[in-house]
Amino acid sequence: MNFKIDGQDVKLKFGVRFCRELDKVYTVDYEGLEFGMGVNLAVMNLEQKNPVALANVIYAASAHKGFDSEDVDEAIEDYAEENGDLNKLFEKIKDELGKSSTVKATIEHFQANAKAE
């Protein structure tokens, strides 16, 4: 999937680096031990249509290009202005995450556990 950031069409990558970047944002502290829960918590927040989560995901997926979070925030705001809202972008991102061979199993496992509880 491509997304326009700072006037450039950027291929978003949902691989290992993506996961590392999300783990920096989304951590869980359990009895003094920190665990990266980036993909799981990002997916949960995307389901709630949280624009900050959307920005975190796009930032992580574009990390290979070196944009800062302000560039990504502005790109998302521009998208919302041009399209009236962010609904289609949320759906595209969730769809792309589901296709990623790197994170697909994590998402499926998380969703299965969420339904079981």
N, C-alpha and C. Protein backbone atom coordinates (compact mmCIF):
# COMPACT_ATOMS: atom_id res chain seq x y z
N MET A 1 0.85 -1.18 0.00
CA MET A 1 0.00 0.00 0.00
C MET A 1 0.89 1.24 0.00
N ASN A 2 0.52 2.21 -0.81
CA ASN A 2 1.21 3.48 -0.83
C ASN A 2 0.38 4.53 -0.11
N PHE A 3 1.08 5.47 0.52
CA PHE A 3 0.43 6.58 1.23
C PHE A 3 1.28 7.82 1.02
N LYS A 4 0.64 8.93 0.74
CA LYS A 4 1.37 10.16 0.44
C LYS A 4 1.77 10.86 1.74
N ILE A 5 3.09 11.00 1.92
CA ILE A 5 3.66 11.69 3.08
C ILE A 5 4.63 12.74 2.56
N ASP A 6 4.43 13.97 3.00
CA ASP A 6 5.31 15.08 2.61
C ASP A 6 5.47 15.15 1.09
N GLY A 7 4.36 14.93 0.37
CA GLY A 7 4.37 15.02 -1.07
C GLY A 7 4.94 13.82 -1.81
N GLN A 8 5.31 12.78 -1.07
CA GLN A 8 5.90 11.58 -1.68
C GLN A 8 4.97 10.39 -1.52
N ASP A 9 4.85 9.58 -2.57
CA ASP A 9 4.12 8.31 -2.46
C ASP A 9 5.06 7.32 -1.78
N VAL A 10 4.69 6.88 -0.61
CA VAL A 10 5.54 6.01 0.20
C VAL A 10 4.91 4.63 0.30
N LYS A 11 5.68 3.59 -0.01
CA LYS A 11 5.21 2.22 0.17
C LYS A 11 5.30 1.89 1.65
N LEU A 12 4.17 1.60 2.25
CA LEU A 12 4.14 1.23 3.66
C LEU A 12 4.52 -0.24 3.78
N LYS A 13 5.43 -0.52 4.71
CA LYS A 13 5.92 -1.89 4.91
C LYS A 13 5.51 -2.37 6.30
N PHE A 14 4.89 -3.53 6.34
CA PHE A 14 4.39 -4.10 7.58
C PHE A 14 5.22 -5.34 7.96
N GLY A 15 6.51 -5.12 8.15
CA GLY A 15 7.44 -6.20 8.45
C GLY A 15 7.98 -6.13 9.87
N VAL A 16 9.15 -6.66 10.06
CA VAL A 16 9.76 -6.71 11.39
C VAL A 16 10.06 -5.31 11.92
N ARG A 17 10.62 -4.44 11.07
CA ARG A 17 10.90 -3.08 11.54
C ARG A 17 9.61 -2.39 11.98
N PHE A 18 8.55 -2.61 11.25
CA PHE A 18 7.24 -2.09 11.62
C PHE A 18 6.87 -2.54 13.04
N CYS A 19 7.05 -3.82 13.32
CA CYS A 19 6.74 -4.36 14.64
C CYS A 19 7.61 -3.73 15.73
N ARG A 20 8.90 -3.58 15.44
CA ARG A 20 9.81 -2.95 16.41
C ARG A 20 9.38 -1.53 16.74
N GLU A 21 9.01 -0.79 15.72
CA GLU A 21 8.59 0.60 15.94
C GLU A 21 7.31 0.65 16.77
N LEU A 22 6.36 -0.21 16.49
CA LEU A 22 5.12 -0.22 17.28
C LEU A 22 5.38 -0.66 18.72
N ASP A 23 6.31 -1.59 18.91
CA ASP A 23 6.64 -2.04 20.26
C ASP A 23 7.23 -0.92 21.11
N LYS A 24 7.84 0.06 20.47
CA LYS A 24 8.37 1.22 21.20
C LYS A 24 7.24 2.09 21.75
N VAL A 25 6.11 2.09 21.05
CA VAL A 25 4.97 2.92 21.43
C VAL A 25 4.05 2.18 22.39
N TYR A 26 3.81 0.92 22.11
CA TYR A 26 2.84 0.14 22.87
C TYR A 26 3.55 -0.93 23.69
N THR A 27 3.74 -0.64 24.96
CA THR A 27 4.34 -1.62 25.86
C THR A 27 3.41 -1.88 27.03
N VAL A 28 3.56 -3.04 27.61
CA VAL A 28 2.80 -3.42 28.79
C VAL A 28 3.80 -3.76 29.88
N ASP A 29 3.57 -3.21 31.06
CA ASP A 29 4.43 -3.50 32.21
C ASP A 29 3.72 -4.54 33.06
N TYR A 30 4.35 -5.70 33.20
CA TYR A 30 3.79 -6.77 34.02
C TYR A 30 4.80 -7.11 35.10
N GLU A 31 4.49 -6.71 36.31
CA GLU A 31 5.35 -6.98 37.47
C GLU A 31 6.79 -6.55 37.21
N GLY A 32 6.93 -5.35 36.64
CA GLY A 32 8.26 -4.80 36.42
C GLY A 32 8.93 -5.21 35.12
N LEU A 33 8.32 -6.11 34.38
CA LEU A 33 8.87 -6.52 33.09
C LEU A 33 8.05 -5.86 31.99
N GLU A 34 8.74 -5.23 31.04
CA GLU A 34 8.05 -4.60 29.93
C GLU A 34 8.02 -5.52 28.72
N PHE A 35 6.86 -5.60 28.12
CA PHE A 35 6.66 -6.41 26.92
C PHE A 35 6.13 -5.52 25.81
N GLY A 36 6.69 -5.68 24.62
CA GLY A 36 6.17 -4.98 23.46
C GLY A 36 4.88 -5.64 23.01
N MET A 37 3.85 -4.86 22.91
CA MET A 37 2.54 -5.36 22.46
C MET A 37 2.04 -4.53 21.29
N GLY A 38 2.98 -4.05 20.48
CA GLY A 38 2.68 -3.09 19.44
C GLY A 38 1.58 -3.48 18.47
N VAL A 39 1.73 -4.62 17.83
CA VAL A 39 0.75 -5.02 16.82
C VAL A 39 -0.61 -5.24 17.48
N ASN A 40 -0.65 -5.93 18.58
CA ASN A 40 -1.92 -6.24 19.25
C ASN A 40 -2.67 -4.98 19.67
N LEU A 41 -1.97 -4.07 20.35
CA LEU A 41 -2.63 -2.87 20.84
C LEU A 41 -2.96 -1.91 19.70
N ALA A 42 -2.13 -1.88 18.67
CA ALA A 42 -2.43 -1.04 17.52
C ALA A 42 -3.70 -1.53 16.82
N VAL A 43 -3.83 -2.84 16.64
CA VAL A 43 -5.02 -3.40 15.99
C VAL A 43 -6.27 -3.07 16.81
N MET A 44 -6.17 -3.23 18.12
CA MET A 44 -7.30 -2.92 18.99
C MET A 44 -7.71 -1.46 18.84
N ASN A 45 -6.74 -0.55 18.81
CA ASN A 45 -7.03 0.87 18.68
C ASN A 45 -7.52 1.23 17.28
N LEU A 46 -7.05 0.54 16.26
CA LEU A 46 -7.56 0.78 14.91
C LEU A 46 -9.04 0.40 14.82
N GLU A 47 -9.42 -0.68 15.50
CA GLU A 47 -10.83 -1.10 15.50
C GLU A 47 -11.71 -0.01 16.12
N GLN A 48 -11.15 0.76 17.02
CA GLN A 48 -11.89 1.85 17.66
C GLN A 48 -11.78 3.15 16.88
N LYS A 49 -11.13 3.08 15.71
CA LYS A 49 -10.94 4.23 14.82
C LYS A 49 -10.23 5.38 15.53
N ASN A 50 -9.19 5.02 16.26
CA ASN A 50 -8.38 6.00 16.97
C ASN A 50 -7.37 6.61 16.00
N PRO A 51 -7.45 7.93 15.73
CA PRO A 51 -6.53 8.53 14.77
C PRO A 51 -5.07 8.52 15.22
N VAL A 52 -4.82 8.53 16.52
CA VAL A 52 -3.44 8.45 16.99
C VAL A 52 -2.86 7.07 16.68
N ALA A 53 -3.67 6.03 16.84
CA ALA A 53 -3.21 4.69 16.49
C ALA A 53 -2.94 4.60 15.00
N LEU A 54 -3.79 5.21 14.20
CA LEU A 54 -3.58 5.23 12.76
C LEU A 54 -2.24 5.90 12.44
N ALA A 55 -1.96 7.01 13.10
CA ALA A 55 -0.70 7.72 12.89
C ALA A 55 0.48 6.85 13.33
N ASN A 56 0.34 6.15 14.46
CA ASN A 56 1.42 5.28 14.93
C ASN A 56 1.71 4.15 13.94
N VAL A 57 0.66 3.58 13.38
CA VAL A 57 0.81 2.48 12.43
C VAL A 57 1.47 2.98 11.15
N ILE A 58 1.01 4.10 10.63
CA ILE A 58 1.60 4.62 9.40
C ILE A 58 3.03 5.06 9.63
N TYR A 59 3.29 5.67 10.78
CA TYR A 59 4.66 6.07 11.11
C TYR A 59 5.58 4.84 11.14
N ALA A 60 5.13 3.78 11.81
CA ALA A 60 5.94 2.56 11.90
C ALA A 60 6.13 1.92 10.54
N ALA A 61 5.10 1.95 9.71
CA ALA A 61 5.17 1.33 8.39
C ALA A 61 6.00 2.15 7.40
N SER A 62 6.25 3.41 7.73
CA SER A 62 7.07 4.26 6.86
C SER A 62 8.44 4.55 7.48
N ALA A 63 8.78 3.86 8.56
CA ALA A 63 10.04 4.11 9.27
C ALA A 63 11.25 3.95 8.37
N HIS A 64 11.17 3.09 7.40
CA HIS A 64 12.28 2.86 6.48
C HIS A 64 12.59 4.09 5.63
N LYS A 65 11.69 5.06 5.60
CA LYS A 65 11.90 6.29 4.82
C LYS A 65 12.33 7.47 5.67
N GLY A 66 12.27 7.34 7.00
CA GLY A 66 12.80 8.37 7.88
C GLY A 66 11.92 9.59 8.12
N PHE A 67 10.63 9.50 7.87
CA PHE A 67 9.75 10.62 8.17
C PHE A 67 9.57 10.75 9.67
N ASP A 68 9.30 11.96 10.14
CA ASP A 68 9.02 12.10 11.56
C ASP A 68 7.50 12.05 11.79
N SER A 69 7.11 11.98 13.04
CA SER A 69 5.69 11.82 13.36
C SER A 69 4.87 13.02 12.91
N GLU A 70 5.47 14.21 12.89
CA GLU A 70 4.74 15.39 12.43
C GLU A 70 4.40 15.29 10.94
N ASP A 71 5.33 14.73 10.14
CA ASP A 71 5.05 14.52 8.72
C ASP A 71 3.86 13.59 8.54
N VAL A 72 3.84 12.52 9.33
CA VAL A 72 2.76 11.53 9.23
C VAL A 72 1.44 12.14 9.70
N ASP A 73 1.48 12.87 10.81
CA ASP A 73 0.25 13.51 11.31
C ASP A 73 -0.34 14.43 10.25
N GLU A 74 0.51 15.23 9.63
CA GLU A 74 0.05 16.16 8.60
C GLU A 74 -0.52 15.43 7.39
N ALA A 75 0.12 14.32 7.02
CA ALA A 75 -0.37 13.53 5.88
C ALA A 75 -1.76 12.95 6.18
N ILE A 76 -1.97 12.51 7.40
CA ILE A 76 -3.27 11.95 7.78
C ILE A 76 -4.33 13.05 7.80
N GLU A 77 -3.97 14.21 8.32
CA GLU A 77 -4.91 15.33 8.33
C GLU A 77 -5.26 15.75 6.90
N ASP A 78 -4.26 15.78 6.02
CA ASP A 78 -4.52 16.11 4.61
C ASP A 78 -5.46 15.08 3.98
N TYR A 79 -5.22 13.79 4.27
CA TYR A 79 -6.08 12.73 3.75
C TYR A 79 -7.52 12.95 4.23
N ALA A 80 -7.69 13.25 5.51
CA ALA A 80 -9.03 13.45 6.07
C ALA A 80 -9.73 14.63 5.38
N GLU A 81 -8.99 15.70 5.15
CA GLU A 81 -9.57 16.87 4.47
C GLU A 81 -9.99 16.53 3.05
N GLU A 82 -9.14 15.80 2.34
CA GLU A 82 -9.41 15.46 0.94
C GLU A 82 -10.54 14.45 0.79
N ASN A 83 -10.72 13.58 1.79
CA ASN A 83 -11.69 12.49 1.69
C ASN A 83 -12.90 12.63 2.61
N GLY A 84 -12.94 13.67 3.39
CA GLY A 84 -14.08 13.90 4.27
C GLY A 84 -13.98 13.23 5.62
N ASP A 85 -13.21 12.17 5.72
CA ASP A 85 -12.98 11.48 6.99
C ASP A 85 -11.86 10.48 6.80
N LEU A 86 -11.64 9.66 7.82
CA LEU A 86 -10.54 8.67 7.78
C LEU A 86 -11.04 7.24 7.64
N ASN A 87 -12.34 7.04 7.46
CA ASN A 87 -12.89 5.68 7.45
C ASN A 87 -12.24 4.77 6.42
N LYS A 88 -12.08 5.23 5.19
CA LYS A 88 -11.47 4.40 4.15
C LYS A 88 -10.01 4.08 4.48
N LEU A 89 -9.31 5.05 5.04
CA LEU A 89 -7.91 4.82 5.39
C LEU A 89 -7.80 3.78 6.50
N PHE A 90 -8.67 3.84 7.49
CA PHE A 90 -8.67 2.81 8.54
C PHE A 90 -8.86 1.43 7.92
N GLU A 91 -9.82 1.31 7.01
CA GLU A 91 -10.11 0.02 6.38
C GLU A 91 -8.94 -0.47 5.54
N LYS A 92 -8.33 0.43 4.77
CA LYS A 92 -7.18 0.04 3.94
C LYS A 92 -6.03 -0.46 4.81
N ILE A 93 -5.75 0.25 5.89
CA ILE A 93 -4.65 -0.14 6.77
C ILE A 93 -4.94 -1.50 7.42
N LYS A 94 -6.16 -1.69 7.92
CA LYS A 94 -6.50 -2.98 8.53
C LYS A 94 -6.41 -4.11 7.51
N ASP A 95 -6.83 -3.84 6.28
CA ASP A 95 -6.74 -4.83 5.21
C ASP A 95 -5.28 -5.19 4.92
N GLU A 96 -4.43 -4.20 4.82
CA GLU A 96 -3.01 -4.44 4.54
C GLU A 96 -2.35 -5.21 5.69
N LEU A 97 -2.69 -4.88 6.91
CA LEU A 97 -2.14 -5.62 8.05
C LEU A 97 -2.51 -7.10 7.96
N GLY A 98 -3.74 -7.38 7.59
CA GLY A 98 -4.21 -8.75 7.45
C GLY A 98 -3.52 -9.53 6.35
N LYS A 99 -2.95 -8.82 5.37
CA LYS A 99 -2.25 -9.46 4.27
C LYS A 99 -0.76 -9.68 4.56
N SER A 100 -0.23 -8.99 5.55
CA SER A 100 1.20 -9.06 5.83
C SER A 100 1.60 -10.43 6.37
N SER A 101 2.50 -11.09 5.67
CA SER A 101 2.95 -12.40 6.13
C SER A 101 3.69 -12.31 7.46
N THR A 102 4.19 -11.13 7.80
CA THR A 102 4.93 -10.96 9.06
C THR A 102 4.00 -10.84 10.26
N VAL A 103 2.90 -10.12 10.12
CA VAL A 103 2.04 -9.86 11.29
C VAL A 103 0.69 -10.58 11.24
N LYS A 104 0.40 -11.23 10.15
CA LYS A 104 -0.90 -11.89 9.98
C LYS A 104 -1.21 -12.87 11.13
N ALA A 105 -0.26 -13.72 11.45
CA ALA A 105 -0.49 -14.71 12.51
C ALA A 105 -0.70 -14.04 13.87
N THR A 106 0.02 -12.97 14.14
CA THR A 106 -0.13 -12.24 15.40
C THR A 106 -1.54 -11.68 15.51
N ILE A 107 -2.00 -11.08 14.42
CA ILE A 107 -3.35 -10.50 14.43
C ILE A 107 -4.41 -11.58 14.59
N GLU A 108 -4.29 -12.67 13.87
CA GLU A 108 -5.26 -13.76 13.97
C GLU A 108 -5.30 -14.34 15.37
N HIS A 109 -4.13 -14.53 15.97
CA HIS A 109 -4.05 -15.06 17.33
C HIS A 109 -4.70 -14.09 18.33
N PHE A 110 -4.38 -12.83 18.19
CA PHE A 110 -4.95 -11.81 19.08
C PHE A 110 -6.47 -11.77 18.96
N GLN A 111 -6.98 -11.76 17.74
CA GLN A 111 -8.42 -11.69 17.52
C GLN A 111 -9.13 -12.95 18.03
N ALA A 112 -8.51 -14.10 17.86
CA ALA A 112 -9.11 -15.35 18.36
C ALA A 112 -9.19 -15.32 19.88
N ASN A 113 -8.14 -14.85 20.53
CA ASN A 113 -8.13 -14.77 21.99
C ASN A 113 -9.12 -13.73 22.49
N ALA A 114 -9.27 -12.64 21.78
CA ALA A 114 -10.21 -11.60 22.18
C ALA A 114 -11.64 -12.10 22.10
N LYS A 115 -11.94 -12.91 21.09
CA LYS A 115 -13.29 -13.47 20.95
C LYS A 115 -13.57 -14.51 22.03
N ALA A 116 -12.54 -15.25 22.41
CA ALA A 116 -12.70 -16.30 23.41
C ALA A 116 -13.01 -15.72 24.79
N GLU A 117 -12.49 -14.53 25.04
CA GLU A 117 -12.70 -13.90 26.36
C GLU A 117 -13.95 -13.13 26.31
